[in-house]
C-alpha atoms as a PDB file:
ATOM      1  CA  THR A   1      65.195-189.763-116.538  1.00  0.00           C
ATOM      2  CA  ILE A   2      64.203-187.898-113.348  1.00  0.00           C
ATOM      3  CA  ASN A   3      66.085-184.779-114.549  1.00  0.00           C
ATOM      4  CA  GLN A   4      64.162-184.688-117.827  1.00  0.00           C
ATOM      5  CA  ARG A   5      60.852-185.073-116.045  1.00  0.00           C
ATOM      6  CA  ILE A   6      61.734-182.317-113.595  1.00  0.00           C
ATOM      7  CA  ALA A   7      62.964-180.035-116.353  1.00  0.00           C
ATOM      8  CA  LYS A   8      59.619-180.444-118.115  1.00  0.00           C
ATOM      9  CA  ILE A   9      57.658-179.751-115.004  1.00  0.00           C
ATOM     10  CA  TYR A  10      59.722-176.657-114.281  1.00  0.00           C
ATOM     11  CA  GLU A  11      59.140-175.473-117.884  1.00  0.00           C
ATOM     12  CA  GLN A  12      55.453-175.899-117.412  1.00  0.00           C
ATOM     13  CA  PHE A  13      55.560-174.009-114.131  1.00  0.00           C
ATOM     14  CA  PHE A  14      56.191-170.721-116.089  1.00  0.00           C
ATOM     15  CA  LEU A  15      53.332-171.236-118.352  1.00  0.00           C
ATOM     16  CA  ASP A  16      51.020-171.996-115.447  1.00  0.00           C
ATOM     17  CA  ILE A  17      52.129-168.830-113.547  1.00  0.00           C
ATOM     18  CA  VAL A  18      51.178-166.651-116.662  1.00  0.00           C
ATOM     19  CA  GLU A  19      47.986-168.684-117.442  1.00  0.00           C
ATOM     20  CA  GLU A  20      46.763-168.353-113.802  1.00  0.00           C
ATOM     21  CA  ALA A  21      47.697-164.655-113.209  1.00  0.00           C
ATOM     22  CA  PRO A  22      44.916-162.847-111.577  1.00  0.00           C
ATOM     23  CA  ASN A  23      42.549-160.417-113.377  1.00  0.00           C
ATOM     24  CA  PRO A  24      40.812-157.379-111.875  1.00  0.00           C
ATOM     25  CA  LYS A  25      37.271-158.066-110.660  1.00  0.00           C
ATOM     26  CA  SER A  26      35.721-156.384-113.543  1.00  0.00           C
ATOM     27  CA  ALA A  27      36.146-158.335-116.853  1.00  0.00           C
ATOM     28  CA  ARG A  28      35.994-155.034-118.694  1.00  0.00           C
ATOM     29  CA  ASP A  29      39.359-154.072-117.033  1.00  0.00           C
ATOM     30  CA  GLY A  30      41.105-156.892-118.929  1.00  0.00           C
ATOM     31  CA  SER A  31      44.112-158.545-117.393  1.00  0.00           C
ATOM     32  CA  TYR A  32      46.784-157.305-114.985  1.00  0.00           C
ATOM     33  CA  LEU A  33      49.342-158.939-117.300  1.00  0.00           C
ATOM     34  CA  SER A  34      50.946-156.405-119.620  1.00  0.00           C
ATOM     35  CA  ILE A  35      51.801-159.270-122.050  1.00  0.00           C
ATOM     36  CA  PRO A  36      49.305-159.521-124.989  1.00  0.00           C
ATOM     37  CA  ALA A  37      47.315-162.768-124.819  1.00  0.00           C
ATOM     38  CA  ARG A  38      48.739-164.072-128.107  1.00  0.00           C
ATOM     39  CA  MET A  39      52.270-163.750-126.758  1.00  0.00           C
ATOM     40  CA  ARG A  40      51.769-165.307-123.258  1.00  0.00           C
ATOM     41  CA  SER A  41      52.777-168.828-124.012  1.00  0.00           C
ATOM     42  CA  GLU A  42      55.782-167.682-125.978  1.00  0.00           C
ATOM     43  CA  LEU A  43      57.080-165.401-123.208  1.00  0.00           C
ATOM     44  CA  ALA A  44      56.336-167.870-120.351  1.00  0.00           C
ATOM     45  CA  ARG A  45      59.900-168.734-119.751  1.00  0.00           C
ATOM     46  CA  PRO A  46      62.390-168.601-116.835  1.00  0.00           C
ATOM     47  CA  GLU A  47      63.674-165.235-118.228  1.00  0.00           C
ATOM     48  CA  LEU A  48      60.318-163.638-117.498  1.00  0.00           C
ATOM     49  CA  LEU A  49      60.759-164.131-113.807  1.00  0.00           C
ATOM     50  CA  GLN A  50      64.524-163.586-113.807  1.00  0.00           C
ATOM     51  CA  THR A  51      64.137-159.837-114.129  1.00  0.00           C
ATOM     52  CA  ALA A  52      62.619-157.367-111.672  1.00  0.00           C
ATOM     53  CA  ASP A  53      60.566-155.772-114.472  1.00  0.00           C
ATOM     54  CA  LEU A  54      57.229-157.145-113.476  1.00  0.00           C
ATOM     55  CA  PRO A  55      54.905-157.992-116.497  1.00  0.00           C
ATOM     56  CA  PHE A  56      51.887-156.286-115.002  1.00  0.00           C
ATOM     57  CA  THR A  57      49.956-153.075-115.346  1.00  0.00           C
ATOM     58  CA  LYS A  58      49.648-152.921-111.559  1.00  0.00           C
ATOM     59  CA  ALA A  59      51.288-155.065-108.816  1.00  0.00           C
ATOM     60  CA  GLN A  60      52.129-155.093-105.178  1.00  0.00           C
ATOM     61  CA  TYR A  61      55.395-156.649-103.988  1.00  0.00           C
ATOM     62  CA  CYS A  62      57.482-157.314-100.983  1.00  0.00           C
ATOM     63  CA  VAL A  63      61.116-158.393-100.734  1.00  0.00           C
ATOM     64  CA  CYS A  64      61.008-161.698 -98.928  1.00  0.00           C
ATOM     65  CA  THR A  65      63.210-162.847 -96.158  1.00  0.00           C
ATOM     66  CA  ASP A  66      65.177-166.064 -96.824  1.00  0.00           C
ATOM     67  CA  ASP A  67      62.647-168.009 -94.901  1.00  0.00           C
ATOM     68  CA  GLN A  68      59.686-166.532 -96.830  1.00  0.00           C
ATOM     69  CA  TRP A  69      61.391-167.220-100.192  1.00  0.00           C
ATOM     70  CA  THR A  70      61.873-170.949 -99.087  1.00  0.00           C
ATOM     71  CA  MET A  71      58.266-171.002 -97.853  1.00  0.00           C
ATOM     72  CA  HIS A  72      57.093-169.962-101.337  1.00  0.00           C
ATOM     73  CA  PHE A  73      59.325-172.703-102.848  1.00  0.00           C
ATOM     74  CA  ASP A  74      57.884-175.281-100.540  1.00  0.00           C
ATOM     75  CA  ARG A  75      54.379-174.297-101.449  1.00  0.00           C
ATOM     76  CA  LEU A  76      55.143-174.493-105.113  1.00  0.00           C
ATOM     77  CA  PHE A  77      57.118-177.715-104.919  1.00  0.00           C
ATOM     78  CA  PRO A  78      56.071-179.437-101.712  1.00  0.00           C
ATOM     79  CA  GLU A  79      58.408-181.912-100.045  1.00  0.00           C
ATOM     80  CA  THR A  80      55.692-184.385 -99.180  1.00  0.00           C
ATOM     81  CA  ILE A  81      52.439-185.361-100.948  1.00  0.00           C
ATOM     82  CA  GLU A  82      50.432-184.694 -97.790  1.00  0.00           C
ATOM     83  CA  ASN A  83      51.443-181.041 -98.119  1.00  0.00           C
ATOM     84  CA  ALA A  84      50.301-181.069-101.716  1.00  0.00           C
ATOM     85  CA  LYS A  85      46.543-180.632-101.285  1.00  0.00           C
ATOM     86  CA  ARG A  86      46.185-177.048-102.326  1.00  0.00           C
ATOM     87  CA  GLN A  87      42.889-175.588-103.518  1.00  0.00           C
ATOM     88  CA  ASN A  88      43.930-173.550-106.532  1.00  0.00           C
ATOM     89  CA  PHE A  89      47.147-175.215-107.377  1.00  0.00           C
ATOM     90  CA  GLY A  90      45.123-178.192-108.903  1.00  0.00           C
ATOM     91  CA  ARG A  91      44.429-176.097-111.936  1.00  0.00           C
ATOM     92  CA  CYS A  92      48.114-175.905-112.711  1.00  0.00           C
ATOM     93  CA  THR A  93      49.470-178.663-114.977  1.00  0.00           C
ATOM     94  CA  TYR A  94      52.921-178.369-113.581  1.00  0.00           C
ATOM     95  CA  TYR A  95      51.643-179.022-110.091  1.00  0.00           C
ATOM     96  CA  THR A  96      49.499-182.074-111.008  1.00  0.00           C
ATOM     97  CA  LYS A  97      52.520-183.511-112.923  1.00  0.00           C
ATOM     98  CA  TYR A  98      54.865-182.688-110.013  1.00  0.00           C
ATOM     99  CA  VAL A  99      52.506-184.387-107.491  1.00  0.00           C
ATOM    100  CA  ALA A 100      52.062-187.489-109.669  1.00  0.00           C
ATOM    101  CA  PHE A 101      55.849-187.791-110.218  1.00  0.00           C
ATOM    102  CA  ALA A 102      56.557-187.295-106.490  1.00  0.00           C
ATOM    103  CA  ARG A 103      54.234-190.264-105.779  1.00  0.00           C
ATOM    104  CA  ILE A 104      56.220-192.724-107.958  1.00  0.00           C
ATOM    105  CA  ILE A 105      59.841-191.747-107.033  1.00  0.00           C
ATOM    106  CA  THR A 106      61.668-192.470-103.840  1.00  0.00           C
ATOM    107  CA  LYS A 107      61.937-189.813-101.033  1.00  0.00           C
ATOM    108  CA  LYS A 108      65.624-189.717-101.735  1.00  0.00           C
ATOM    109  CA  SER A 109      64.931-188.935-105.460  1.00  0.00           C
ATOM    110  CA  LEU A 110      62.365-186.293-104.679  1.00  0.00           C
ATOM    111  CA  SER A 111      64.741-184.674-102.248  1.00  0.00           C
ATOM    112  CA  ARG A 112      67.445-184.651-105.053  1.00  0.00           C
ATOM    113  CA  ALA A 113      64.917-183.297-107.533  1.00  0.00           C
ATOM    114  CA  ARG A 114      63.859-180.521-105.145  1.00  0.00           C
ATOM    115  CA  ARG A 115      67.427-179.460-104.612  1.00  0.00           C
ATOM    116  CA  VAL A 116      67.841-179.093-108.398  1.00  0.00           C
ATOM    117  CA  LEU A 117      64.573-177.157-108.568  1.00  0.00           C
ATOM    118  CA  LYS A 118      65.597-174.958-105.650  1.00  0.00           C
ATOM    119  CA  ALA A 119      68.897-173.995-107.347  1.00  0.00           C
ATOM    120  CA  GLU A 120      66.817-172.910-110.447  1.00  0.00           C
ATOM    121  CA  PHE A 121      64.273-171.261-108.284  1.00  0.00           C
ATOM    122  CA  ASP A 122      66.821-169.161-106.510  1.00  0.00           C
ATOM    123  CA  LYS A 123      67.824-167.692-109.948  1.00  0.00           C
ATOM    124  CA  LEU A 124      64.339-165.988-110.304  1.00  0.00           C
ATOM    125  CA  ALA A 125      63.815-162.361-109.321  1.00  0.00           C
ATOM    126  CA  TRP A 126      60.155-162.965-108.349  1.00  0.00           C
ATOM    127  CA  VAL A 127      57.380-165.438-108.073  1.00  0.00           C
ATOM    128  CA  PRO A 128      53.637-165.115-107.034  1.00  0.00           C
ATOM    129  CA  TYR A 129      53.208-164.330-103.365  1.00  0.00           C
ATOM    130  CA  THR A 130      51.617-167.742-102.609  1.00  0.00           C
ATOM    131  CA  ARG A 131      49.141-168.534 -99.839  1.00  0.00           C
ATOM    132  CA  THR A 132      48.661-171.916 -98.320  1.00  0.00           C
ATOM    133  CA  ASP A 133      45.706-172.545-100.563  1.00  0.00           C
ATOM    134  CA  ARG A 134      46.426-170.463-103.620  1.00  0.00           C
ATOM    135  CA  LEU A 135      49.073-169.786-106.314  1.00  0.00           C
ATOM    136  CA  TRP A 136      48.186-166.020-106.562  1.00  0.00           C
ATOM    137  CA  SER A 137      46.867-163.384-104.282  1.00  0.00           C
ATOM    138  CA  SER A 138      45.506-160.120-105.454  1.00  0.00           C
ATOM    139  CA  GLY A 139      43.653-158.582-102.503  1.00  0.00           C
ATOM    140  CA  LYS A 140      45.010-155.598-100.673  1.00  0.00           C
ATOM    141  CA  MET A 141      48.197-156.753 -98.820  1.00  0.00           C
ATOM    142  CA  GLN A 142      48.748-155.204 -95.354  1.00  0.00           C
ATOM    143  CA  GLY A 143      51.971-154.094 -93.800  1.00  0.00           C
ATOM    144  CA  ALA A 144      54.910-151.787 -94.154  1.00  0.00           C
ATOM    145  CA  ALA A 145      56.913-154.295 -96.246  1.00  0.00           C
ATOM    146  CA  TRP A 146      54.562-153.960 -99.218  1.00  0.00           C
ATOM    147  CA  GLU A 147      55.190-151.535-102.074  1.00  0.00           C
ATOM    148  CA  MET A 148      52.755-150.604-104.852  1.00  0.00           C
ATOM    149  CA  LEU A 149      53.376-150.269-108.582  1.00  0.00           C
ATOM    150  CA  PRO A 150      52.656-147.887-110.145  1.00  0.00           C
ATOM    151  CA  ARG A 151      53.682-145.786-107.039  1.00  0.00           C
ATOM    152  CA  GLY A 152      50.723-144.215-105.396  1.00  0.00           C
ATOM    153  CA  ALA A 153      48.186-146.518-106.925  1.00  0.00           C
ATOM    154  CA  ASN A 154      45.503-148.014-104.697  1.00  0.00           C
ATOM    155  CA  ARG A 155      46.446-151.263-103.048  1.00  0.00           C
ATOM    156  CA  GLY A 156      45.542-154.532-104.780  1.00  0.00           C
ATOM    157  CA  GLY A 157      46.620-156.402-107.860  1.00  0.00           C
ATOM    158  CA  PRO A 158      48.921-159.299-108.128  1.00  0.00           C
ATOM    159  CA  ALA A 159      50.970-159.830-105.033  1.00  0.00           C
ATOM    160  CA  ILE A 160      54.634-160.570-105.894  1.00  0.00           C
ATOM    161  CA  ALA A 161      57.420-162.099-103.731  1.00  0.00           C
ATOM    162  CA  ILE A 162      60.780-160.753-104.563  1.00  0.00           C
ATOM    163  CA  ASN A 163      63.839-162.944-104.153  1.00  0.00           C
ATOM    164  CA  PRO A 164      65.874-161.722-101.162  1.00  0.00           C
ATOM    165  CA  LEU A 165      68.998-162.072-103.317  1.00  0.00           C
ATOM    166  CA  ARG A 166      67.625-159.283-105.422  1.00  0.00           C
ATOM    167  CA  ARG A 167      66.687-156.923-102.567  1.00  0.00           C
ATOM    168  CA  ARG A 168      68.875-154.121-104.071  1.00  0.00           C
ATOM    169  CA  GLU A 169      67.362-154.287-107.485  1.00  0.00           C
ATOM    170  CA  LEU A 170      64.762-151.692-108.646  1.00  0.00           C
ATOM    171  CA  VAL A 171      61.419-153.236-109.092  1.00  0.00           C
ATOM    172  CA  THR A 172      59.454-151.815-112.024  1.00  0.00           C
ATOM    173  CA  LEU A 173      56.521-152.593-114.216  1.00  0.00           C
ATOM    174  CA  ARG A 174      57.341-153.771-117.702  1.00  0.00           C
END
């Protein structure tokens, strides 16, 4: 059924977020992820993104407006296939499955599926701060809205979009 396919795609979404998380420029520095490599697939579940305890050694974040949060959803789960041509998203299994599925169902079914996905998405505390062409950003983000973790660290590291519904929560590193 459509709901089962969407559930599988959404499950894969979390694995891909962890798998594609950025690393520092120097390979010697390891990963920004604070999750040991052997545990990543096991911990890549919705619960990982449902808490404001970010699983990184360093991160930069901003609390999104409602429109920004919806923009990230639309980039991650596009409404039309024409909007689905995204450079780095192609490496994500969830994304290729989503696009393939969107091509074979009706617009009405896709709209219904996206409503279900959006309801789940809105339960998340954070997602990668997407760009039009990439899942993750890690360059120095500019602007007063951006906070660094740990506090006082040089800018850079995974850019995180915080759900506006969670604006009052304390964001920390895990």
